[in-house]
Amino acid sequence: MTDLDIRADDFARAKPYGWVGLPISLMAIVGLGMTVSALVSGTAFGVEVALVGWHAAVVRASGLFQAMKGDPHAGEFVALCLSILIYLAIALMVVTFARFRGGARWRDLIAWHPWEARHRSRLFWAIVVGTFVYSLVANEALAYFYPASQEWVTLPTGAWSVALFFVVAVIAAPLTEELMFRGWLYTGLRAKLSIWPSLVLSSILFALAHWESTHLYALVVFPVGMALGFIRERAGSLKASMSFHAMYNGIALVMLCFGR
């Protein structure tokens, strides 16, 4: 048995949802996450109404919308705050569903297990290094053949917005996306399929979540999803792929800051 021959039975013991329950649960997680975000926003507005009164709260809200239209800094700041709220709400829903479905074994459903960072597998670290190299090559190739791709991700202009952008890219996005795609989704797929179909299917959905009009970004992201899935499988822990995802985004952010 090779290092990759982890039996599907090992994943099935976590008792994830089946072929019907898995997609339904994914839609429910996203839908409830968005609902929770809206409720938090509504609650914040309700607290403001209680403190300053309805008229003053409406005036402030109208002033904020006007500021967002005329000041790009304000618009960026609000959009990033909402992004963080939505990401964290969806992450909370993944954990909530795992605890509801898995009970005492909820960590198995999302591979929330300890991870030894000093992994001894050469293949593991070859995948890690290879993914970073791939990212650099893909970025340069896109910049050369499709210069408009450099506008896909741009830094905000305000100092506070840049800080929030860092939180989104290096903390909120890796946390939530790994819980969704390499945690909840991958465990459900792996309980029924071998490693390669599970990696491909979860990576396709991960790429679709990064879809844009040219489709190129999704194609670029697909191999990264494959690498993240392999890391999660090899390490047996979502913390491994989450750490790599955060590092990957952090390096991309640094490159963006230096105009690469």
Protein backbone atom coordinates (compact mmCIF):
# COMPACT_ATOMS: atom_id res chain seq x y z
CA MET A 1 0.00 0.00 0.00
CA THR A 2 1.40 3.38 -1.01
CA ASP A 3 1.18 6.61 0.95
CA LEU A 4 -1.78 7.63 -1.21
CA ASP A 5 -3.77 4.44 -0.58
CA ILE A 6 -5.98 5.85 2.13
CA ARG A 7 -9.18 3.82 1.98
CA ALA A 8 -12.51 5.53 1.43
CA ASP A 9 -13.72 3.60 4.49
CA ASP A 10 -11.55 5.83 6.65
CA PHE A 11 -13.50 8.84 5.41
CA ALA A 12 -16.85 7.04 5.53
CA ARG A 13 -16.46 6.52 9.28
CA ALA A 14 -16.98 10.27 9.67
CA LYS A 15 -20.48 9.67 8.20
CA PRO A 16 -20.68 12.62 5.77
CA TYR A 17 -23.83 13.27 3.76
CA GLY A 18 -24.49 11.20 0.66
CA TRP A 19 -24.86 12.19 -2.99
CA VAL A 20 -28.13 13.99 -2.32
CA GLY A 21 -27.37 15.44 1.09
CA LEU A 22 -23.91 16.73 0.19
CA PRO A 23 -24.94 19.28 -2.50
CA ILE A 24 -28.02 20.25 -0.49
CA SER A 25 -25.86 20.86 2.58
CA LEU A 26 -23.42 22.97 0.55
CA MET A 27 -26.24 25.17 -0.73
CA ALA A 28 -27.68 25.40 2.78
CA ILE A 29 -24.30 26.38 4.23
CA VAL A 30 -23.88 29.22 1.72
CA GLY A 31 -27.50 30.33 2.02
CA LEU A 32 -27.50 30.33 5.81
CA GLY A 33 -24.13 32.07 5.84
CA MET A 34 -25.51 34.88 3.71
CA THR A 35 -28.59 35.02 5.94
CA VAL A 36 -26.48 35.28 9.07
CA SER A 37 -24.47 38.08 7.45
CA ALA A 38 -27.68 39.96 6.65
CA LEU A 39 -28.97 39.44 10.20
CA VAL A 40 -25.74 40.75 11.71
CA SER A 41 -25.89 43.81 9.47
CA GLY A 42 -29.55 44.34 10.32
CA THR A 43 -28.84 43.93 14.02
CA ALA A 44 -26.06 46.52 13.83
CA PHE A 45 -28.49 48.95 12.20
CA GLY A 46 -31.11 48.14 14.83
CA VAL A 47 -28.65 48.90 17.62
CA GLU A 48 -27.87 52.23 15.98
CA VAL A 49 -31.59 53.00 15.74
CA ALA A 50 -31.97 52.23 19.45
CA LEU A 51 -29.06 54.51 20.32
CA VAL A 52 -29.65 57.54 18.10
CA GLY A 53 -33.21 57.11 16.84
CA TRP A 54 -34.68 56.07 13.49
CA HIS A 55 -34.30 59.38 11.69
CA ALA A 56 -30.66 59.89 12.68
CA ALA A 57 -29.82 56.27 11.79
CA VAL A 58 -31.40 56.63 8.35
CA VAL A 59 -29.55 59.89 7.78
CA ARG A 60 -26.24 58.26 8.70
CA ALA A 61 -26.94 55.28 6.44
CA SER A 62 -27.82 57.61 3.56
CA GLY A 63 -24.66 59.60 4.18
CA LEU A 64 -22.63 56.39 4.07
CA PHE A 65 -24.12 55.39 0.72
CA GLN A 66 -23.44 58.84 -0.67
CA ALA A 67 -19.86 58.68 0.60
CA MET A 68 -19.42 55.27 -1.08
CA LYS A 69 -20.52 56.75 -4.39
CA GLY A 70 -18.20 59.75 -4.19
CA ASP A 71 -15.25 58.32 -2.26
CA PRO A 72 -13.66 55.06 -3.48
CA HIS A 73 -11.95 54.62 -0.10
CA ALA A 74 -15.31 54.40 1.67
CA GLY A 75 -16.67 51.97 -0.91
CA GLU A 76 -13.65 49.70 -0.66
CA PHE A 77 -13.75 49.74 3.13
CA VAL A 78 -17.44 48.80 3.33
CA ALA A 79 -17.10 46.10 0.66
CA LEU A 80 -14.15 44.51 2.47
CA CYS A 81 -15.95 44.62 5.82
CA LEU A 82 -18.92 42.85 4.22
CA SER A 83 -16.59 40.29 2.61
CA ILE A 84 -15.05 39.42 5.96
CA LEU A 85 -18.50 39.13 7.54
CA ILE A 86 -19.75 36.80 4.80
CA TYR A 87 -16.63 34.63 4.85
CA LEU A 88 -16.76 34.20 8.62
CA ALA A 89 -20.51 33.53 8.61
CA ILE A 90 -20.07 30.75 6.02
CA ALA A 91 -17.16 29.29 8.00
CA LEU A 92 -19.36 29.28 11.09
CA MET A 93 -22.06 27.42 9.16
CA VAL A 94 -19.60 24.74 8.02
CA VAL A 95 -18.53 24.09 11.61
CA THR A 96 -22.16 24.16 12.76
CA PHE A 97 -23.20 21.60 10.14
CA ALA A 98 -20.19 19.42 11.03
CA ARG A 99 -21.08 19.47 14.72
CA PHE A 100 -24.73 18.70 13.93
CA ARG A 101 -23.91 15.86 11.54
CA GLY A 102 -20.86 14.38 13.22
CA GLY A 103 -21.60 14.82 16.90
CA ALA A 104 -18.54 13.85 18.90
CA ARG A 105 -16.67 13.07 15.66
CA TRP A 106 -17.41 16.40 13.98
CA ARG A 107 -13.70 17.10 13.50
CA ASP A 108 -13.45 14.07 11.19
CA LEU A 109 -15.99 15.64 8.82
CA ILE A 110 -13.74 18.62 8.15
CA ALA A 111 -10.35 17.03 8.96
CA TRP A 112 -9.81 19.41 11.85
CA HIS A 113 -6.90 17.41 13.20
CA PRO A 114 -3.41 18.27 14.45
CA TRP A 115 -0.77 18.62 11.78
CA GLU A 116 2.96 18.23 12.06
CA ALA A 117 4.36 21.03 9.89
CA ARG A 118 7.67 19.20 9.44
CA HIS A 119 6.16 16.67 7.09
CA ARG A 120 8.71 14.05 6.09
CA SER A 121 7.27 13.21 2.67
CA ARG A 122 9.39 14.49 -0.21
CA LEU A 123 6.38 14.33 -2.52
CA PHE A 124 4.40 16.51 -0.11
CA TRP A 125 7.00 19.29 -0.19
CA ALA A 126 7.57 18.83 -3.92
CA ILE A 127 3.87 19.60 -4.43
CA VAL A 128 4.12 22.64 -2.15
CA VAL A 129 7.17 24.08 -3.92
CA GLY A 130 5.86 23.12 -7.35
CA THR A 131 2.60 24.98 -6.74
CA PHE A 132 4.45 28.19 -5.87
CA VAL A 133 6.58 27.84 -9.01
CA TYR A 134 3.45 27.18 -11.05
CA SER A 135 1.85 30.32 -9.64
CA LEU A 136 4.81 32.48 -10.66
CA VAL A 137 4.96 30.99 -14.16
CA ALA A 138 1.18 31.23 -14.66
CA ASN A 139 1.13 34.84 -13.49
CA GLU A 140 3.93 35.83 -15.87
CA ALA A 141 2.34 33.92 -18.76
CA LEU A 142 -1.02 35.58 -18.21
CA ALA A 143 0.59 39.01 -17.92
CA TYR A 144 2.34 38.44 -21.25
CA PHE A 145 -0.47 36.83 -23.27
CA TYR A 146 -3.43 38.53 -21.57
CA PRO A 147 -2.34 41.82 -19.93
CA ALA A 148 -5.89 42.55 -18.75
CA SER A 149 -5.50 39.70 -16.24
CA GLN A 150 -3.41 42.01 -14.07
CA GLU A 151 -6.61 43.91 -13.29
CA TRP A 152 -8.34 40.85 -11.82
CA VAL A 153 -6.94 41.62 -8.39
CA THR A 154 -5.93 45.17 -7.47
CA LEU A 155 -4.91 46.66 -4.17
CA PRO A 156 -7.32 49.03 -2.46
CA THR A 157 -6.20 52.65 -2.18
CA GLY A 158 -6.90 53.44 1.46
CA ALA A 159 -4.57 52.33 4.27
CA TRP A 160 -7.36 50.74 6.32
CA SER A 161 -8.74 49.08 3.20
CA VAL A 162 -5.32 47.56 2.46
CA ALA A 163 -5.24 46.13 6.00
CA LEU A 164 -8.71 44.65 5.56
CA PHE A 165 -7.72 43.29 2.15
CA PHE A 166 -4.87 41.46 3.88
CA VAL A 167 -7.32 40.00 6.42
CA VAL A 168 -9.60 38.80 3.61
CA ALA A 169 -6.82 37.29 1.50
CA VAL A 170 -4.65 35.70 4.18
CA ILE A 171 -7.15 34.83 6.93
CA ALA A 172 -10.82 34.88 5.97
CA ALA A 173 -10.58 33.36 2.47
CA PRO A 174 -8.20 30.47 3.34
CA LEU A 175 -10.22 29.64 6.47
CA THR A 176 -13.60 29.54 4.77
CA GLU A 177 -12.59 28.09 1.41
CA GLU A 178 -10.64 25.26 3.02
CA LEU A 179 -13.50 24.44 5.38
CA MET A 180 -15.87 24.33 2.41
CA PHE A 181 -13.84 22.64 -0.33
CA ARG A 182 -11.14 20.56 1.36
CA GLY A 183 -13.09 20.00 4.56
CA TRP A 184 -16.81 19.46 4.11
CA LEU A 185 -16.92 18.74 0.35
CA TYR A 186 -13.76 16.65 0.04
CA THR A 187 -14.66 14.41 2.98
CA GLY A 188 -18.08 13.73 1.47
CA LEU A 189 -16.59 12.88 -1.92
CA ARG A 190 -13.73 10.82 -0.52
CA ALA A 191 -16.12 8.63 1.46
CA LYS A 192 -17.46 7.33 -1.88
CA LEU A 193 -14.67 7.85 -4.40
CA SER A 194 -10.94 7.25 -4.71
CA ILE A 195 -8.47 10.08 -4.32
CA TRP A 196 -8.22 11.32 -7.91
CA PRO A 197 -11.95 11.71 -8.68
CA SER A 198 -12.35 13.40 -5.29
CA LEU A 199 -9.49 15.79 -6.02
CA VAL A 200 -10.77 16.61 -9.50
CA LEU A 201 -14.40 17.18 -8.50
CA SER A 202 -13.57 19.32 -5.46
CA SER A 203 -11.05 21.31 -7.50
CA ILE A 204 -13.56 21.94 -10.29
CA LEU A 205 -16.01 23.42 -7.78
CA PHE A 206 -13.20 25.41 -6.19
CA ALA A 207 -12.29 26.80 -9.62
CA LEU A 208 -15.93 27.61 -10.39
CA ALA A 209 -16.08 29.62 -7.18
CA HIS A 210 -13.34 31.82 -8.72
CA TRP A 211 -15.10 32.17 -12.08
CA GLU A 212 -14.88 35.39 -14.04
CA SER A 213 -15.98 36.40 -17.53
CA THR A 214 -12.91 35.15 -19.44
CA HIS A 215 -12.83 31.78 -17.62
CA LEU A 216 -9.04 32.04 -17.50
CA TYR A 217 -8.79 32.66 -13.77
CA ALA A 218 -10.80 29.52 -13.02
CA LEU A 219 -8.44 27.51 -15.24
CA VAL A 220 -5.42 28.95 -13.43
CA VAL A 221 -6.95 28.22 -10.02
CA PHE A 222 -7.85 24.60 -10.82
CA PRO A 223 -4.30 23.18 -10.39
CA VAL A 224 -3.97 25.11 -7.12
CA GLY A 225 -7.14 23.41 -5.89
CA MET A 226 -5.66 20.05 -6.86
CA ALA A 227 -2.51 20.83 -4.87
CA LEU A 228 -4.51 21.96 -1.83
CA GLY A 229 -6.58 18.78 -1.96
CA PHE A 230 -3.46 16.64 -2.19
CA ILE A 231 -1.93 18.44 0.80
CA ARG A 232 -5.09 17.89 2.82
CA GLU A 233 -5.16 14.20 1.90
CA ARG A 234 -1.48 13.63 2.50
CA ALA A 235 -1.34 15.43 5.84
CA GLY A 236 -4.73 14.16 6.99
CA SER A 237 -5.47 17.63 8.32
CA LEU A 238 -7.28 20.66 7.00
CA LYS A 239 -4.80 22.79 8.94
CA ALA A 240 -2.11 21.81 6.43
CA SER A 241 -3.99 22.98 3.34
CA MET A 242 -5.27 26.03 5.23
CA SER A 243 -1.72 27.05 6.19
CA PHE A 244 -0.51 26.56 2.63
CA HIS A 245 -3.49 28.49 1.24
CA ALA A 246 -2.79 31.41 3.57
CA MET A 247 0.91 31.38 2.64
CA TYR A 248 0.08 31.18 -1.07
CA ASN A 249 -2.27 34.16 -0.86
CA GLY A 250 0.17 36.07 1.30
CA ILE A 251 2.97 35.69 -1.25
CA ALA A 252 0.61 36.73 -4.05
CA LEU A 253 -0.33 39.79 -2.00
CA VAL A 254 3.31 40.73 -1.47
CA MET A 255 3.94 40.39 -5.20
CA LEU A 256 0.93 42.59 -5.86
CA CYS A 257 2.25 45.22 -3.46
CA PHE A 258 5.53 45.35 -5.36
CA GLY A 259 3.74 45.66 -8.68
CA ARG A 260 4.39 42.21 -10.02
